[in-house]
């Protein structure tokens, strides 16, 4: 009976130690994956031709080789460009 109790305690300690190591491994892997995602190339920034504000390329509008942050700025820029010709 005494030997059985000692084996049970040893098994419980090993089980919880293994569980703790597994959780540490999962956290390490999550952190490593997050670092790899941060290191991946980000969306390039472009500058609005009207207001000179920088914004991500996938949020910007492109017209006649220029980038714009909004349709309003695009229209103002193009109206000014055509009136200057």
PDB file of N, CA and C in Angstrom:
ATOM      1  N   UNK A   1       0.820  -1.192   0.000  1.00  0.00           N
ATOM      2  CA  UNK A   1       0.000   0.000   0.000  1.00  0.00           C
ATOM      3  C   UNK A   1       0.867   1.261   0.000  1.00  0.00           C
ATOM      4  N   UNK A   2       1.897   1.257   0.816  1.00  0.00           N
ATOM      5  CA  UNK A   2       2.787   2.405   0.915  1.00  0.00           C
ATOM      6  C   UNK A   2       3.506   2.650  -0.413  1.00  0.00           C
ATOM      7  N   UNK A   3       3.966   1.575  -1.067  1.00  0.00           N
ATOM      8  CA  UNK A   3       4.649   1.668  -2.344  1.00  0.00           C
ATOM      9  C   UNK A   3       3.710   2.182  -3.437  1.00  0.00           C
ATOM     10  N   UNK A   4       2.468   1.798  -3.386  1.00  0.00           N
ATOM     11  CA  UNK A   4       1.474   2.255  -4.352  1.00  0.00           C
ATOM     12  C   UNK A   4       1.250   3.761  -4.234  1.00  0.00           C
ATOM     13  N   UNK A   5       1.192   4.260  -3.021  1.00  0.00           N
ATOM     14  CA  UNK A   5       1.007   5.695  -2.799  1.00  0.00           C
ATOM     15  C   UNK A   5       2.203   6.486  -3.313  1.00  0.00           C
ATOM     16  N   UNK A   6       3.406   5.976  -3.107  1.00  0.00           N
ATOM     17  CA  UNK A   6       4.621   6.650  -3.600  1.00  0.00           C
ATOM     18  C   UNK A   6       4.625   6.671  -5.129  1.00  0.00           C
ATOM     19  N   UNK A   7       4.261   5.554  -5.734  1.00  0.00           N
ATOM     20  CA  UNK A   7       4.194   5.520  -7.204  1.00  0.00           C
ATOM     21  C   UNK A   7       3.151   6.494  -7.734  1.00  0.00           C
ATOM     22  N   UNK A   8       2.032   6.602  -7.070  1.00  0.00           N
ATOM     23  CA  UNK A   8       0.978   7.532  -7.483  1.00  0.00           C
ATOM     24  C   UNK A   8       1.457   8.979  -7.387  1.00  0.00           C
ATOM     25  N   UNK A   9       2.159   9.306  -6.322  1.00  0.00           N
ATOM     26  CA  UNK A   9       2.691  10.666  -6.151  1.00  0.00           C
ATOM     27  C   UNK A   9       3.732  10.960  -7.229  1.00  0.00           C
ATOM     28  N   UNK A  10       4.618  10.014  -7.503  1.00  0.00           N
ATOM     29  CA  UNK A  10       5.631  10.209  -8.548  1.00  0.00           C
ATOM     30  C   UNK A  10       4.968  10.387  -9.906  1.00  0.00           C
ATOM     31  N   UNK A  11       3.971   9.570 -10.195  1.00  0.00           N
ATOM     32  CA  UNK A  11       3.246   9.696 -11.459  1.00  0.00           C
ATOM     33  C   UNK A  11       2.575  11.070 -11.571  1.00  0.00           C
ATOM     34  N   UNK A  12       1.959  11.552 -10.494  1.00  0.00           N
ATOM     35  CA  UNK A  12       1.287  12.852 -10.517  1.00  0.00           C
ATOM     36  C   UNK A  12       2.297  13.979 -10.746  1.00  0.00           C
ATOM     37  N   UNK A  13       3.444  13.911 -10.075  1.00  0.00           N
ATOM     38  CA  UNK A  13       4.480  14.934 -10.250  1.00  0.00           C
ATOM     39  C   UNK A  13       4.987  14.929 -11.692  1.00  0.00           C
ATOM     40  N   UNK A  14       5.260  13.742 -12.238  1.00  0.00           N
ATOM     41  CA  UNK A  14       5.725  13.658 -13.627  1.00  0.00           C
ATOM     42  C   UNK A  14       4.666  14.155 -14.602  1.00  0.00           C
ATOM     43  N   UNK A  15       3.415  13.832 -14.340  1.00  0.00           N
ATOM     44  CA  UNK A  15       2.331  14.287 -15.208  1.00  0.00           C
ATOM     45  C   UNK A  15       2.243  15.813 -15.228  1.00  0.00           C
ATOM     46  N   UNK A  16       2.252  16.440 -14.052  1.00  0.00           N
ATOM     47  CA  UNK A  16       2.145  17.897 -14.005  1.00  0.00           C
ATOM     48  C   UNK A  16       3.397  18.586 -14.549  1.00  0.00           C
ATOM     49  N   UNK A  17       4.571  17.976 -14.368  1.00  0.00           N
ATOM     50  CA  UNK A  17       5.787  18.527 -14.952  1.00  0.00           C
ATOM     51  C   UNK A  17       5.719  18.455 -16.483  1.00  0.00           C
ATOM     52  N   UNK A  18       5.249  17.338 -16.992  1.00  0.00           N
ATOM     53  CA  UNK A  18       5.089  17.206 -18.442  1.00  0.00           C
ATOM     54  C   UNK A  18       4.072  18.183 -18.993  1.00  0.00           C
ATOM     55  N   UNK A  19       2.987  18.380 -18.273  1.00  0.00           N
ATOM     56  CA  UNK A  19       1.967  19.336 -18.682  1.00  0.00           C
ATOM     57  C   UNK A  19       2.529  20.751 -18.719  1.00  0.00           C
ATOM     58  N   UNK A  20       3.314  21.090 -17.702  1.00  0.00           N
ATOM     59  CA  UNK A  20       3.937  22.424 -17.638  1.00  0.00           C
ATOM     60  C   UNK A  20       4.908  22.613 -18.811  1.00  0.00           C
ATOM     61  N   UNK A  21       5.720  21.586 -19.100  1.00  0.00           N
ATOM     62  CA  UNK A  21       6.653  21.670 -20.228  1.00  0.00           C
ATOM     63  C   UNK A  21       5.910  21.808 -21.557  1.00  0.00           C
ATOM     64  N   UNK A  22       4.807  21.095 -21.714  1.00  0.00           N
ATOM     65  CA  UNK A  22       4.020  21.180 -22.937  1.00  0.00           C
ATOM     66  C   UNK A  22       3.445  22.588 -23.118  1.00  0.00           C
ATOM     67  N   UNK A  23       2.943  23.173 -22.042  1.00  0.00           N
ATOM     68  CA  UNK A  23       2.411  24.539 -22.122  1.00  0.00           C
ATOM     69  C   UNK A  23       3.504  25.546 -22.449  1.00  0.00           C
ATOM     70  N   UNK A  24       4.681  25.362 -21.867  1.00  0.00           N
ATOM     71  CA  UNK A  24       5.809  26.250 -22.176  1.00  0.00           C
ATOM     72  C   UNK A  24       6.200  26.130 -23.648  1.00  0.00           C
ATOM     73  N   UNK A  25       6.200  24.900 -24.171  1.00  0.00           N
ATOM     74  CA  UNK A  25       6.526  24.679 -25.579  1.00  0.00           C
ATOM     75  C   UNK A  25       5.508  25.363 -26.489  1.00  0.00           C
ATOM     76  N   UNK A  26       4.225  25.219 -26.179  1.00  0.00           N
ATOM     77  CA  UNK A  26       3.184  25.858 -27.000  1.00  0.00           C
ATOM     78  C   UNK A  26       3.329  27.373 -26.989  1.00  0.00           C
ATOM     79  N   UNK A  27       3.623  27.968 -25.828  1.00  0.00           N
ATOM     80  CA  UNK A  27       3.797  29.417 -25.739  1.00  0.00           C
ATOM     81  C   UNK A  27       5.025  29.854 -26.542  1.00  0.00           C
ATOM     82  N   UNK A  28       6.111  29.095 -26.449  1.00  0.00           N
ATOM     83  CA  UNK A  28       7.317  29.413 -27.204  1.00  0.00           C
ATOM     84  C   UNK A  28       7.036  29.361 -28.705  1.00  0.00           C
ATOM     85  N   UNK A  29       6.281  28.344 -29.121  1.00  0.00           N
ATOM     86  CA  UNK A  29       5.959  28.205 -30.540  1.00  0.00           C
ATOM     87  C   UNK A  29       5.067  29.352 -31.013  1.00  0.00           C
ATOM     88  N   UNK A  30       4.076  29.755 -30.206  1.00  0.00           N
ATOM     89  CA  UNK A  30       3.220  30.894 -30.546  1.00  0.00           C
ATOM     90  C   UNK A  30       4.031  32.167 -30.682  1.00  0.00           C
ATOM     91  N   UNK A  31       4.953  32.390 -29.748  1.00  0.00           N
ATOM     92  CA  UNK A  31       5.799  33.588 -29.813  1.00  0.00           C
ATOM     93  C   UNK A  31       6.688  33.573 -31.047  1.00  0.00           C
ATOM     94  N   UNK A  32       7.253  32.415 -31.375  1.00  0.00           N
ATOM     95  CA  UNK A  32       8.112  32.301 -32.554  1.00  0.00           C
ATOM     96  C   UNK A  32       7.321  32.547 -33.827  1.00  0.00           C
ATOM     97  N   UNK A  33       6.114  31.999 -33.914  1.00  0.00           N
ATOM     98  CA  UNK A  33       5.276  32.208 -35.093  1.00  0.00           C
ATOM     99  C   UNK A  33       4.874  33.670 -35.233  1.00  0.00           C
ATOM    100  N   UNK A  34       4.606  34.325 -34.110  1.00  0.00           N
ATOM    101  CA  UNK A  34       4.255  35.744 -34.151  1.00  0.00           C
ATOM    102  C   UNK A  34       5.449  36.573 -34.617  1.00  0.00           C
ATOM    103  N   UNK A  35       6.656  36.216 -34.185  1.00  0.00           N
ATOM    104  CA  UNK A  35       7.850  36.933 -34.623  1.00  0.00           C
ATOM    105  C   UNK A  35       8.075  36.754 -36.116  1.00  0.00           C
ATOM    106  N   UNK A  36       7.802  35.560 -36.624  1.00  0.00           N
ATOM    107  CA  UNK A  36       7.957  35.324 -38.055  1.00  0.00           C
ATOM    108  C   UNK A  36       6.942  36.125 -38.859  1.00  0.00           C
ATOM    109  N   UNK A  37       5.739  36.271 -38.334  1.00  0.00           N
ATOM    110  CA  UNK A  37       4.732  37.071 -39.033  1.00  0.00           C
ATOM    111  C   UNK A  37       5.115  38.539 -39.020  1.00  0.00           C
ATOM    112  N   UNK A  38       5.686  39.020 -37.913  1.00  0.00           N
ATOM    113  CA  UNK A  38       6.121  40.407 -37.844  1.00  0.00           C
ATOM    114  C   UNK A  38       7.269  40.675 -38.798  1.00  0.00           C
ATOM    115  N   UNK A  39       8.089  39.663 -39.025  1.00  0.00           N
ATOM    116  CA  UNK A  39       9.235  39.821 -39.911  1.00  0.00           C
ATOM    117  C   UNK A  39       8.840  39.727 -41.383  1.00  0.00           C
ATOM    118  N   UNK A  40       7.645  39.253 -41.661  1.00  0.00           N
ATOM    119  CA  UNK A  40       7.214  39.139 -43.044  1.00  0.00           C
ATOM    120  C   UNK A  40       7.035  40.534 -43.645  1.00  0.00           C
ATOM    121  N   UNK A  41       7.207  40.646 -44.943  1.00  0.00           N
ATOM    122  CA  UNK A  41       7.114  41.973 -45.559  1.00  0.00           C
ATOM    123  C   UNK A  41       5.729  42.585 -45.350  1.00  0.00           C
ATOM    124  N   UNK A  42       5.728  43.786 -44.861  1.00  0.00           N
ATOM    125  CA  UNK A  42       4.471  44.475 -44.575  1.00  0.00           C
ATOM    126  C   UNK A  42       3.937  45.121 -45.846  1.00  0.00           C
ATOM    127  N   UNK A  43       2.725  45.561 -45.771  1.00  0.00           N
ATOM    128  CA  UNK A  43       2.108  46.258 -46.881  1.00  0.00           C
ATOM    129  C   UNK A  43       2.831  47.593 -47.062  1.00  0.00           C
ATOM    130  N   UNK A  44       3.344  47.887 -48.258  1.00  0.00           N
ATOM    131  CA  UNK A  44       4.089  49.135 -48.447  1.00  0.00           C
ATOM    132  C   UNK A  44       3.201  50.367 -48.267  1.00  0.00           C
ATOM    133  N   UNK A  45       3.821  51.435 -47.817  1.00  0.00           N
ATOM    134  CA  UNK A  45       3.117  52.689 -47.600  1.00  0.00           C
ATOM    135  C   UNK A  45       3.264  53.561 -48.847  1.00  0.00           C
ATOM    136  N   UNK A  46       2.223  54.310 -49.153  1.00  0.00           N
ATOM    137  CA  UNK A  46       2.244  55.256 -50.268  1.00  0.00           C
ATOM    138  C   UNK A  46       1.772  56.613 -49.752  1.00  0.00           C
ATOM    139  N   UNK A  47       2.053  57.658 -50.513  1.00  0.00           N
ATOM    140  CA  UNK A  47       1.705  59.008 -50.086  1.00  0.00           C
ATOM    141  C   UNK A  47       0.629  59.590 -50.980  1.00  0.00           C
ATOM    142  N   UNK A  48      -0.368  60.172 -50.357  1.00  0.00           N
ATOM    143  CA  UNK A  48      -1.446  60.827 -51.100  1.00  0.00           C
ATOM    144  C   UNK A  48      -0.867  62.025 -51.845  1.00  0.00           C
ATOM    145  N   UNK A  49      -1.174  62.132 -53.129  1.00  0.00           N
ATOM    146  CA  UNK A  49      -0.652  63.228 -53.941  1.00  0.00           C
ATOM    147  C   UNK A  49      -1.276  64.571 -53.553  1.00  0.00           C
ATOM    148  N   UNK A  50      -2.434  64.553 -52.910  1.00  0.00           N
ATOM    149  CA  UNK A  50      -3.104  65.796 -52.548  1.00  0.00           C
ATOM    150  C   UNK A  50      -2.693  66.296 -51.163  1.00  0.00           C
ATOM    151  N   UNK A  51      -2.825  65.460 -50.145  1.00  0.00           N
ATOM    152  CA  UNK A  51      -2.573  65.920 -48.771  1.00  0.00           C
ATOM    153  C   UNK A  51      -1.248  65.437 -48.192  1.00  0.00           C
ATOM    154  N   UNK A  52      -0.513  64.612 -48.930  1.00  0.00           N
ATOM    155  CA  UNK A  52       0.802  64.102 -48.542  1.00  0.00           C
ATOM    156  C   UNK A  52       0.779  63.181 -47.319  1.00  0.00           C
ATOM    157  N   UNK A  53      -0.364  62.636 -46.982  1.00  0.00           N
ATOM    158  CA  UNK A  53      -0.485  61.687 -45.872  1.00  0.00           C
ATOM    159  C   UNK A  53      -0.078  60.305 -46.365  1.00  0.00           C
ATOM    160  N   UNK A  54       0.674  59.563 -45.542  1.00  0.00           N
ATOM    161  CA  UNK A  54       1.068  58.203 -45.894  1.00  0.00           C
ATOM    162  C   UNK A  54       0.005  57.222 -45.402  1.00  0.00           C
ATOM    163  N   UNK A  55      -0.285  56.221 -46.239  1.00  0.00           N
ATOM    164  CA  UNK A  55      -1.259  55.197 -45.888  1.00  0.00           C
ATOM    165  C   UNK A  55      -0.871  53.893 -46.563  1.00  0.00           C
ATOM    166  N   UNK A  56      -1.364  52.751 -46.057  1.00  0.00           N
ATOM    167  CA  UNK A  56      -1.041  51.461 -46.688  1.00  0.00           C
ATOM    168  C   UNK A  56      -1.529  51.413 -48.127  1.00  0.00           C
ATOM    169  N   UNK A  57      -0.753  50.770 -48.952  1.00  0.00           N
ATOM    170  CA  UNK A  57      -1.068  50.714 -50.379  1.00  0.00           C
ATOM    171  C   UNK A  57      -2.427  50.080 -50.656  1.00  0.00           C
ATOM    172  N   UNK A  58      -2.806  49.066 -49.872  1.00  0.00           N
ATOM    173  CA  UNK A  58      -4.090  48.413 -50.153  1.00  0.00           C
ATOM    174  C   UNK A  58      -5.284  49.270 -49.731  1.00  0.00           C
ATOM    175  N   UNK A  59      -5.078  50.352 -48.975  1.00  0.00           N
ATOM    176  CA  UNK A  59      -6.161  51.273 -48.628  1.00  0.00           C
ATOM    177  C   UNK A  59      -6.218  52.473 -49.571  1.00  0.00           C
ATOM    178  N   UNK A  60      -5.207  52.634 -50.410  1.00  0.00           N
ATOM    179  CA  UNK A  60      -5.103  53.817 -51.262  1.00  0.00           C
ATOM    180  C   UNK A  60      -5.771  53.586 -52.620  1.00  0.00           C
ATOM    181  N   UNK A  61      -6.070  54.692 -53.275  1.00  0.00           N
ATOM    182  CA  UNK A  61      -6.632  54.671 -54.636  1.00  0.00           C
ATOM    183  C   UNK A  61      -5.543  55.129 -55.597  1.00  0.00           C
ATOM    184  N   UNK A  62      -5.470  54.521 -56.762  1.00  0.00           N
ATOM    185  CA  UNK A  62      -4.462  54.892 -57.751  1.00  0.00           C
ATOM    186  C   UNK A  62      -5.156  55.400 -59.010  1.00  0.00           C
ATOM    187  N   UNK A  63      -4.685  56.551 -59.456  1.00  0.00           N
ATOM    188  CA  UNK A  63      -5.245  57.148 -60.668  1.00  0.00           C
ATOM    189  C   UNK A  63      -4.126  57.901 -61.381  1.00  0.00           C
ATOM    190  N   UNK A  64      -3.911  57.581 -62.647  1.00  0.00           N
ATOM    191  CA  UNK A  64      -2.897  58.224 -63.483  1.00  0.00           C
ATOM    192  C   UNK A  64      -1.515  58.237 -62.832  1.00  0.00           C
ATOM    193  N   UNK A  65      -1.153  57.131 -62.223  1.00  0.00           N
ATOM    194  CA  UNK A  65       0.180  56.994 -61.643  1.00  0.00           C
ATOM    195  C   UNK A  65       0.353  57.662 -60.289  1.00  0.00           C
ATOM    196  N   UNK A  66      -0.678  58.225 -59.722  1.00  0.00           N
ATOM    197  CA  UNK A  66      -0.619  58.882 -58.410  1.00  0.00           C
ATOM    198  C   UNK A  66      -1.463  58.106 -57.415  1.00  0.00           C
ATOM    199  N   UNK A  67      -1.122  58.254 -56.132  1.00  0.00           N
ATOM    200  CA  UNK A  67      -1.865  57.603 -55.049  1.00  0.00           C
ATOM    201  C   UNK A  67      -2.684  58.632 -54.299  1.00  0.00           C
ATOM    202  N   UNK A  68      -3.866  58.202 -53.839  1.00  0.00           N
ATOM    203  CA  UNK A  68      -4.760  59.096 -53.109  1.00  0.00           C
ATOM    204  C   UNK A  68      -5.366  58.373 -51.916  1.00  0.00           C
ATOM    205  N   UNK A  69      -5.647  59.135 -50.850  1.00  0.00           N
ATOM    206  CA  UNK A  69      -6.215  58.541 -49.638  1.00  0.00           C
ATOM    207  C   UNK A  69      -7.731  58.459 -49.699  1.00  0.00           C
ATOM    208  N   UNK A  70      -8.358  59.247 -50.569  1.00  0.00           N
ATOM    209  CA  UNK A  70      -9.814  59.224 -50.661  1.00  0.00           C
ATOM    210  C   UNK A  70     -10.246  59.644 -52.069  1.00  0.00           C
ATOM    211  N   UNK A  71     -11.464  59.303 -52.436  1.00  0.00           N
ATOM    212  CA  UNK A  71     -11.967  59.739 -53.748  1.00  0.00           C
ATOM    213  C   UNK A  71     -12.053  61.265 -53.851  1.00  0.00           C
ATOM    214  N   UNK A  72     -12.338  61.928 -52.744  1.00  0.00           N
ATOM    215  CA  UNK A  72     -12.419  63.391 -52.740  1.00  0.00           C
ATOM    216  C   UNK A  72     -11.066  64.011 -53.105  1.00  0.00           C
ATOM    217  N   UNK A  73     -10.000  63.516 -52.508  1.00  0.00           N
ATOM    218  CA  UNK A  73      -8.670  64.049 -52.812  1.00  0.00           C
ATOM    219  C   UNK A  73      -8.267  63.716 -54.242  1.00  0.00           C
ATOM    220  N   UNK A  74      -8.661  62.556 -54.710  1.00  0.00           N
ATOM    221  CA  UNK A  74      -8.371  62.193 -56.097  1.00  0.00           C
ATOM    222  C   UNK A  74      -9.057  63.167 -57.046  1.00  0.00           C
ATOM    223  N   UNK A  75     -10.333  63.452 -56.789  1.00  0.00           N
ATOM    224  CA  UNK A  75     -11.079  64.354 -57.661  1.00  0.00           C
ATOM    225  C   UNK A  75     -10.510  65.772 -57.623  1.00  0.00           C
ATOM    226  N   UNK A  76     -10.139  66.236 -56.433  1.00  0.00           N
ATOM    227  CA  UNK A  76      -9.553  67.587 -56.317  1.00  0.00           C
ATOM    228  C   UNK A  76      -8.235  67.668 -57.080  1.00  0.00           C
ATOM    229  N   UNK A  77      -7.398  66.650 -56.925  1.00  0.00           N
ATOM    230  CA  UNK A  77      -6.109  66.649 -57.602  1.00  0.00           C
ATOM    231  C   UNK A  77      -6.290  66.626 -59.113  1.00  0.00           C
ATOM    232  N   UNK A  78      -7.184  65.765 -59.583  1.00  0.00           N
ATOM    233  CA  UNK A  78      -7.391  65.666 -61.039  1.00  0.00           C
ATOM    234  C   UNK A  78      -8.037  66.928 -61.594  1.00  0.00           C
ATOM    235  N   UNK A  79      -8.929  67.568 -60.827  1.00  0.00           N
ATOM    236  CA  UNK A  79      -9.541  68.813 -61.298  1.00  0.00           C
ATOM    237  C   UNK A  79      -8.488  69.913 -61.382  1.00  0.00           C
ATOM    238  N   UNK A  80      -7.600  69.965 -60.403  1.00  0.00           N
ATOM    239  CA  UNK A  80      -6.526  70.981 -60.407  1.00  0.00           C
ATOM    240  C   UNK A  80      -5.550  70.709 -61.540  1.00  0.00           C
ATOM    241  N   UNK A  81      -5.290  69.418 -61.784  1.00  0.00           N
ATOM    242  CA  UNK A  81      -4.351  69.025 -62.826  1.00  0.00           C
ATOM    243  C   UNK A  81      -4.896  69.395 -64.211  1.00  0.00           C
ATOM    244  N   UNK A  82      -6.185  69.196 -64.430  1.00  0.00           N
ATOM    245  CA  UNK A  82      -6.769  69.512 -65.741  1.00  0.00           C
ATOM    246  C   UNK A  82      -6.954  71.006 -65.925  1.00  0.00           C
ATOM    247  N   UNK A  83      -7.176  71.733 -64.837  1.00  0.00           N
ATOM    248  CA  UNK A  83      -7.341  73.181 -64.977  1.00  0.00           C
ATOM    249  C   UNK A  83      -6.003  73.867 -65.229  1.00  0.00           C
ATOM    250  N   UNK A  84      -4.903  73.251 -64.819  1.00  0.00           N
ATOM    251  CA  UNK A  84      -3.579  73.820 -65.031  1.00  0.00           C
ATOM    252  C   UNK A  84      -3.061  73.596 -66.437  1.00  0.00           C
ATOM    253  N   UNK A  85      -3.650  72.695 -67.201  1.00  0.00           N
ATOM    254  CA  UNK A  85      -3.159  72.397 -68.556  1.00  0.00           C
ATOM    255  C   UNK A  85      -3.540  73.420 -69.550  1.00  0.00           C
TER     256      UNK A  85
END
